[in-house]
Amino acid sequence: MDNEQIETMAQVLETVGISIKQDGEYRSVDDVMGELWDKWHSLMQNDKQRVAKAFVRYFL
C-alpha cells in the first residue's frame, strides 16, 4: 500500500488549476468537467493519474 495522502476531488482539481467555486458560489459540474476536458491534453501524466484516482474514489 502506498503512503500517498488521500485527496478530495476539489483538492485534486485545484492542483491542476481548476476551481470549483466562482464568485463565492459553487460552479456547476458541467462547467468544472468541461474545463477539465479542455485542459486534459495539456496535463502531465502524474496529474492525470491523480485526477483519475480521485474519480475512482468518488464513484466507489
PDB file of N, CA and C in Angstrom:
ATOM      1  N   MET A   1       0.846  -1.177   0.000  1.00  0.00           N
ATOM      2  CA  MET A   1       0.000   0.000   0.000  1.00  0.00           C
ATOM      3  C   MET A   1       0.889   1.237   0.000  1.00  0.00           C
ATOM      4  N   ASP A   2       0.540   2.224  -0.816  1.00  0.00           N
ATOM      5  CA  ASP A   2       1.385   3.411  -0.876  1.00  0.00           C
ATOM      6  C   ASP A   2       1.037   4.395   0.239  1.00  0.00           C
ATOM      7  N   ASN A   3       1.909   5.335   0.448  1.00  0.00           N
ATOM      8  CA  ASN A   3       1.754   6.285   1.540  1.00  0.00           C
ATOM      9  C   ASN A   3       1.210   7.630   1.078  1.00  0.00           C
ATOM     10  N   GLU A   4       0.577   7.671  -0.077  1.00  0.00           N
ATOM     11  CA  GLU A   4       0.021   8.923  -0.567  1.00  0.00           C
ATOM     12  C   GLU A   4      -1.135   9.365   0.315  1.00  0.00           C
ATOM     13  N   GLN A   5      -1.181  10.662   0.543  1.00  0.00           N
ATOM     14  CA  GLN A   5      -2.286  11.218   1.302  1.00  0.00           C
ATOM     15  C   GLN A   5      -3.531  11.213   0.408  1.00  0.00           C
ATOM     16  N   ILE A   6      -4.646  10.815   0.977  1.00  0.00           N
ATOM     17  CA  ILE A   6      -5.892  10.816   0.214  1.00  0.00           C
ATOM     18  C   ILE A   6      -6.343  12.256   0.032  1.00  0.00           C
ATOM     19  N   GLU A   7      -6.628  12.617  -1.206  1.00  0.00           N
ATOM     20  CA  GLU A   7      -7.050  13.970  -1.535  1.00  0.00           C
ATOM     21  C   GLU A   7      -8.509  13.958  -1.961  1.00  0.00           C
ATOM     22  N   THR A   8      -9.189  15.047  -1.695  1.00  0.00           N
ATOM     23  CA  THR A   8     -10.563  15.174  -2.173  1.00  0.00           C
ATOM     24  C   THR A   8     -10.531  15.556  -3.652  1.00  0.00           C
ATOM     25  N   MET A   9     -11.657  15.388  -4.306  1.00  0.00           N
ATOM     26  CA  MET A   9     -11.758  15.763  -5.710  1.00  0.00           C
ATOM     27  C   MET A   9     -11.465  17.258  -5.875  1.00  0.00           C
ATOM     28  N   ALA A  10     -11.966  18.075  -4.958  1.00  0.00           N
ATOM     29  CA  ALA A  10     -11.732  19.521  -5.039  1.00  0.00           C
ATOM     30  C   ALA A  10     -10.245  19.843  -4.937  1.00  0.00           C
ATOM     31  N   GLN A  11      -9.532  19.165  -4.036  1.00  0.00           N
ATOM     32  CA  GLN A  11      -8.098  19.403  -3.888  1.00  0.00           C
ATOM     33  C   GLN A  11      -7.348  19.029  -5.159  1.00  0.00           C
ATOM     34  N   VAL A  12      -7.711  17.914  -5.739  1.00  0.00           N
ATOM     35  CA  VAL A  12      -7.037  17.469  -6.963  1.00  0.00           C
ATOM     36  C   VAL A  12      -7.304  18.449  -8.099  1.00  0.00           C
ATOM     37  N   LEU A  13      -8.544  18.879  -8.240  1.00  0.00           N
ATOM     38  CA  LEU A  13      -8.866  19.832  -9.302  1.00  0.00           C
ATOM     39  C   LEU A  13      -8.118  21.147  -9.104  1.00  0.00           C
ATOM     40  N   GLU A  14      -8.002  21.591  -7.861  1.00  0.00           N
ATOM     41  CA  GLU A  14      -7.261  22.827  -7.577  1.00  0.00           C
ATOM     42  C   GLU A  14      -5.794  22.690  -7.988  1.00  0.00           C
ATOM     43  N   THR A  15      -5.204  21.505  -7.795  1.00  0.00           N
ATOM     44  CA  THR A  15      -3.788  21.325  -8.137  1.00  0.00           C
ATOM     45  C   THR A  15      -3.546  21.397  -9.636  1.00  0.00           C
ATOM     46  N   VAL A  16      -4.572  21.141 -10.431  1.00  0.00           N
ATOM     47  CA  VAL A  16      -4.414  21.252 -11.885  1.00  0.00           C
ATOM     48  C   VAL A  16      -5.002  22.559 -12.411  1.00  0.00           C
ATOM     49  N   GLY A  17      -5.300  23.480 -11.487  1.00  0.00           N
ATOM     50  CA  GLY A  17      -5.722  24.819 -11.888  1.00  0.00           C
ATOM     51  C   GLY A  17      -7.199  24.991 -12.162  1.00  0.00           C
ATOM     52  N   ILE A  18      -8.023  24.103 -11.618  1.00  0.00           N
ATOM     53  CA  ILE A  18      -9.468  24.197 -11.833  1.00  0.00           C
ATOM     54  C   ILE A  18     -10.142  24.483 -10.501  1.00  0.00           C
ATOM     55  N   SER A  19     -10.842  25.602 -10.432  1.00  0.00           N
ATOM     56  CA  SER A  19     -11.531  25.991  -9.205  1.00  0.00           C
ATOM     57  C   SER A  19     -12.977  25.509  -9.258  1.00  0.00           C
ATOM     58  N   ILE A  20     -13.457  24.994  -8.125  1.00  0.00           N
ATOM     59  CA  ILE A  20     -14.849  24.544  -8.091  1.00  0.00           C
ATOM     60  C   ILE A  20     -15.787  25.667  -7.660  1.00  0.00           C
ATOM     61  N   LYS A  21     -15.214  26.815  -7.258  1.00  0.00           N
ATOM     62  CA  LYS A  21     -16.020  27.970  -6.867  1.00  0.00           C
ATOM     63  C   LYS A  21     -15.711  29.153  -7.767  1.00  0.00           C
ATOM     64  N   GLN A  22     -16.744  29.962  -7.986  1.00  0.00           N
ATOM     65  CA  GLN A  22     -16.578  31.188  -8.753  1.00  0.00           C
ATOM     66  C   GLN A  22     -17.441  32.246  -8.098  1.00  0.00           C
ATOM     67  N   ASP A  23     -16.854  33.364  -7.765  1.00  0.00           N
ATOM     68  CA  ASP A  23     -17.564  34.454  -7.084  1.00  0.00           C
ATOM     69  C   ASP A  23     -18.233  33.977  -5.803  1.00  0.00           C
ATOM     70  N   GLY A  24     -17.565  33.084  -5.075  1.00  0.00           N
ATOM     71  CA  GLY A  24     -18.069  32.606  -3.792  1.00  0.00           C
ATOM     72  C   GLY A  24     -19.131  31.529  -3.872  1.00  0.00           C
ATOM     73  N   GLU A  25     -19.496  31.110  -5.065  1.00  0.00           N
ATOM     74  CA  GLU A  25     -20.521  30.072  -5.229  1.00  0.00           C
ATOM     75  C   GLU A  25     -19.935  28.893  -5.995  1.00  0.00           C
ATOM     76  N   TYR A  26     -20.481  27.715  -5.726  1.00  0.00           N
ATOM     77  CA  TYR A  26     -20.013  26.521  -6.424  1.00  0.00           C
ATOM     78  C   TYR A  26     -20.413  26.566  -7.889  1.00  0.00           C
ATOM     79  N   ARG A  27     -19.494  26.164  -8.740  1.00  0.00           N
ATOM     80  CA  ARG A  27     -19.766  26.071 -10.171  1.00  0.00           C
ATOM     81  C   ARG A  27     -20.521  24.780 -10.451  1.00  0.00           C
ATOM     82  N   SER A  28     -21.202  24.742 -11.571  1.00  0.00           N
ATOM     83  CA  SER A  28     -21.920  23.523 -11.939  1.00  0.00           C
ATOM     84  C   SER A  28     -20.920  22.432 -12.317  1.00  0.00           C
ATOM     85  N   VAL A  29     -21.343  21.200 -12.159  1.00  0.00           N
ATOM     86  CA  VAL A  29     -20.492  20.062 -12.526  1.00  0.00           C
ATOM     87  C   VAL A  29     -20.136  20.138 -14.005  1.00  0.00           C
ATOM     88  N   ASP A  30     -21.091  20.535 -14.832  1.00  0.00           N
ATOM     89  CA  ASP A  30     -20.823  20.648 -16.269  1.00  0.00           C
ATOM     90  C   ASP A  30     -19.704  21.640 -16.561  1.00  0.00           C
ATOM     91  N   ASP A  31     -19.706  22.777 -15.863  1.00  0.00           N
ATOM     92  CA  ASP A  31     -18.652  23.775 -16.066  1.00  0.00           C
ATOM     93  C   ASP A  31     -17.286  23.239 -15.650  1.00  0.00           C
ATOM     94  N   VAL A  32     -17.233  22.613 -14.474  1.00  0.00           N
ATOM     95  CA  VAL A  32     -15.963  22.095 -13.957  1.00  0.00           C
ATOM     96  C   VAL A  32     -15.440  20.976 -14.850  1.00  0.00           C
ATOM     97  N   MET A  33     -16.301  20.044 -15.222  1.00  0.00           N
ATOM     98  CA  MET A  33     -15.862  18.927 -16.060  1.00  0.00           C
ATOM     99  C   MET A  33     -15.504  19.397 -17.468  1.00  0.00           C
ATOM    100  N   GLY A  34     -16.204  20.412 -17.951  1.00  0.00           N
ATOM    101  CA  GLY A  34     -15.858  20.980 -19.254  1.00  0.00           C
ATOM    102  C   GLY A  34     -14.469  21.596 -19.246  1.00  0.00           C
ATOM    103  N   GLU A  35     -14.141  22.290 -18.151  1.00  0.00           N
ATOM    104  CA  GLU A  35     -12.805  22.869 -18.028  1.00  0.00           C
ATOM    105  C   GLU A  35     -11.747  21.772 -17.936  1.00  0.00           C
ATOM    106  N   LEU A  36     -12.050  20.712 -17.184  1.00  0.00           N
ATOM    107  CA  LEU A  36     -11.115  19.588 -17.097  1.00  0.00           C
ATOM    108  C   LEU A  36     -10.915  18.956 -18.473  1.00  0.00           C
ATOM    109  N   TRP A  37     -11.984  18.777 -19.209  1.00  0.00           N
ATOM    110  CA  TRP A  37     -11.905  18.207 -20.560  1.00  0.00           C
ATOM    111  C   TRP A  37     -10.995  19.055 -21.447  1.00  0.00           C
ATOM    112  N   ASP A  38     -11.158  20.382 -21.359  1.00  0.00           N
ATOM    113  CA  ASP A  38     -10.345  21.283 -22.178  1.00  0.00           C
ATOM    114  C   ASP A  38      -8.868  21.236 -21.798  1.00  0.00           C
ATOM    115  N   LYS A  39      -8.570  21.025 -20.526  1.00  0.00           N
ATOM    116  CA  LYS A  39      -7.186  21.016 -20.055  1.00  0.00           C
ATOM    117  C   LYS A  39      -6.533  19.637 -20.119  1.00  0.00           C
ATOM    118  N   TRP A  40      -7.321  18.582 -20.298  1.00  0.00           N
ATOM    119  CA  TRP A  40      -6.815  17.217 -20.163  1.00  0.00           C
ATOM    120  C   TRP A  40      -5.580  16.952 -21.020  1.00  0.00           C
ATOM    121  N   HIS A  41      -5.604  17.380 -22.284  1.00  0.00           N
ATOM    122  CA  HIS A  41      -4.490  17.084 -23.198  1.00  0.00           C
ATOM    123  C   HIS A  41      -3.181  17.728 -22.762  1.00  0.00           C
ATOM    124  N   SER A  42      -3.255  18.806 -21.988  1.00  0.00           N
ATOM    125  CA  SER A  42      -2.034  19.511 -21.588  1.00  0.00           C
ATOM    126  C   SER A  42      -1.538  19.123 -20.195  1.00  0.00           C
ATOM    127  N   LEU A  43      -2.272  18.257 -19.491  1.00  0.00           N
ATOM    128  CA  LEU A  43      -1.854  17.856 -18.146  1.00  0.00           C
ATOM    129  C   LEU A  43      -0.709  16.853 -18.217  1.00  0.00           C
ATOM    130  N   MET A  44       0.153  16.917 -17.228  1.00  0.00           N
ATOM    131  CA  MET A  44       1.238  15.950 -17.099  1.00  0.00           C
ATOM    132  C   MET A  44       0.633  14.599 -16.710  1.00  0.00           C
ATOM    133  N   GLN A  45       1.319  13.518 -17.038  1.00  0.00           N
ATOM    134  CA  GLN A  45       0.809  12.175 -16.752  1.00  0.00           C
ATOM    135  C   GLN A  45       0.515  11.989 -15.263  1.00  0.00           C
ATOM    136  N   ASN A  46       1.380  12.498 -14.405  1.00  0.00           N
ATOM    137  CA  ASN A  46       1.185  12.378 -12.963  1.00  0.00           C
ATOM    138  C   ASN A  46      -0.117  13.058 -12.528  1.00  0.00           C
ATOM    139  N   ASP A  47      -0.400  14.232 -13.099  1.00  0.00           N
ATOM    140  CA  ASP A  47      -1.639  14.939 -12.766  1.00  0.00           C
ATOM    141  C   ASP A  47      -2.859  14.174 -13.267  1.00  0.00           C
ATOM    142  N   LYS A  48      -2.753  13.580 -14.435  1.00  0.00           N
ATOM    143  CA  LYS A  48      -3.855  12.773 -14.964  1.00  0.00           C
ATOM    144  C   LYS A  48      -4.145  11.593 -14.041  1.00  0.00           C
ATOM    145  N   GLN A  49      -3.088  10.976 -13.517  1.00  0.00           N
ATOM    146  CA  GLN A  49      -3.272   9.846 -12.606  1.00  0.00           C
ATOM    147  C   GLN A  49      -3.927  10.287 -11.303  1.00  0.00           C
ATOM    148  N   ARG A  50      -3.539  11.457 -10.793  1.00  0.00           N
ATOM    149  CA  ARG A  50      -4.154  11.975  -9.563  1.00  0.00           C
ATOM    150  C   ARG A  50      -5.641  12.223  -9.769  1.00  0.00           C
ATOM    151  N   VAL A  51      -5.996  12.821 -10.901  1.00  0.00           N
ATOM    152  CA  VAL A  51      -7.402  13.086 -11.203  1.00  0.00           C
ATOM    153  C   VAL A  51      -8.155  11.766 -11.342  1.00  0.00           C
ATOM    154  N   ALA A  52      -7.570  10.807 -12.039  1.00  0.00           N
ATOM    155  CA  ALA A  52      -8.221   9.508 -12.231  1.00  0.00           C
ATOM    156  C   ALA A  52      -8.451   8.800 -10.905  1.00  0.00           C
ATOM    157  N   LYS A  53      -7.456   8.817 -10.020  1.00  0.00           N
ATOM    158  CA  LYS A  53      -7.615   8.190  -8.702  1.00  0.00           C
ATOM    159  C   LYS A  53      -8.736   8.854  -7.912  1.00  0.00           C
ATOM    160  N   ALA A  54      -8.804  10.173  -7.969  1.00  0.00           N
ATOM    161  CA  ALA A  54      -9.852  10.893  -7.244  1.00  0.00           C
ATOM    162  C   ALA A  54     -11.231  10.528  -7.785  1.00  0.00           C
ATOM    163  N   PHE A  55     -11.359  10.394  -9.109  1.00  0.00           N
ATOM    164  CA  PHE A  55     -12.633   9.994  -9.703  1.00  0.00           C
ATOM    165  C   PHE A  55     -13.043   8.604  -9.238  1.00  0.00           C
ATOM    166  N   VAL A  56     -12.093   7.688  -9.226  1.00  0.00           N
ATOM    167  CA  VAL A  56     -12.402   6.319  -8.800  1.00  0.00           C
ATOM    168  C   VAL A  56     -12.887   6.315  -7.358  1.00  0.00           C
ATOM    169  N   ARG A  57     -12.182   7.013  -6.468  1.00  0.00           N
ATOM    170  CA  ARG A  57     -12.609   7.080  -5.065  1.00  0.00           C
ATOM    171  C   ARG A  57     -13.984   7.724  -4.939  1.00  0.00           C
ATOM    172  N   TYR A  58     -14.237   8.761  -5.726  1.00  0.00           N
ATOM    173  CA  TYR A  58     -15.511   9.474  -5.675  1.00  0.00           C
ATOM    174  C   TYR A  58     -16.672   8.572  -6.082  1.00  0.00           C
ATOM    175  N   PHE A  59     -16.473   7.780  -7.123  1.00  0.00           N
ATOM    176  CA  PHE A  59     -17.566   6.970  -7.650  1.00  0.00           C
ATOM    177  C   PHE A  59     -17.729   5.622  -6.963  1.00  0.00           C
ATOM    178  N   LEU A  60     -16.798   5.254  -6.080  1.00  0.00           N
ATOM    179  CA  LEU A  60     -16.942   3.989  -5.358  1.00  0.00           C
ATOM    180  C   LEU A  60     -17.744   4.210  -4.160  1.00  0.00           C
TER     181      LEU A  60
END
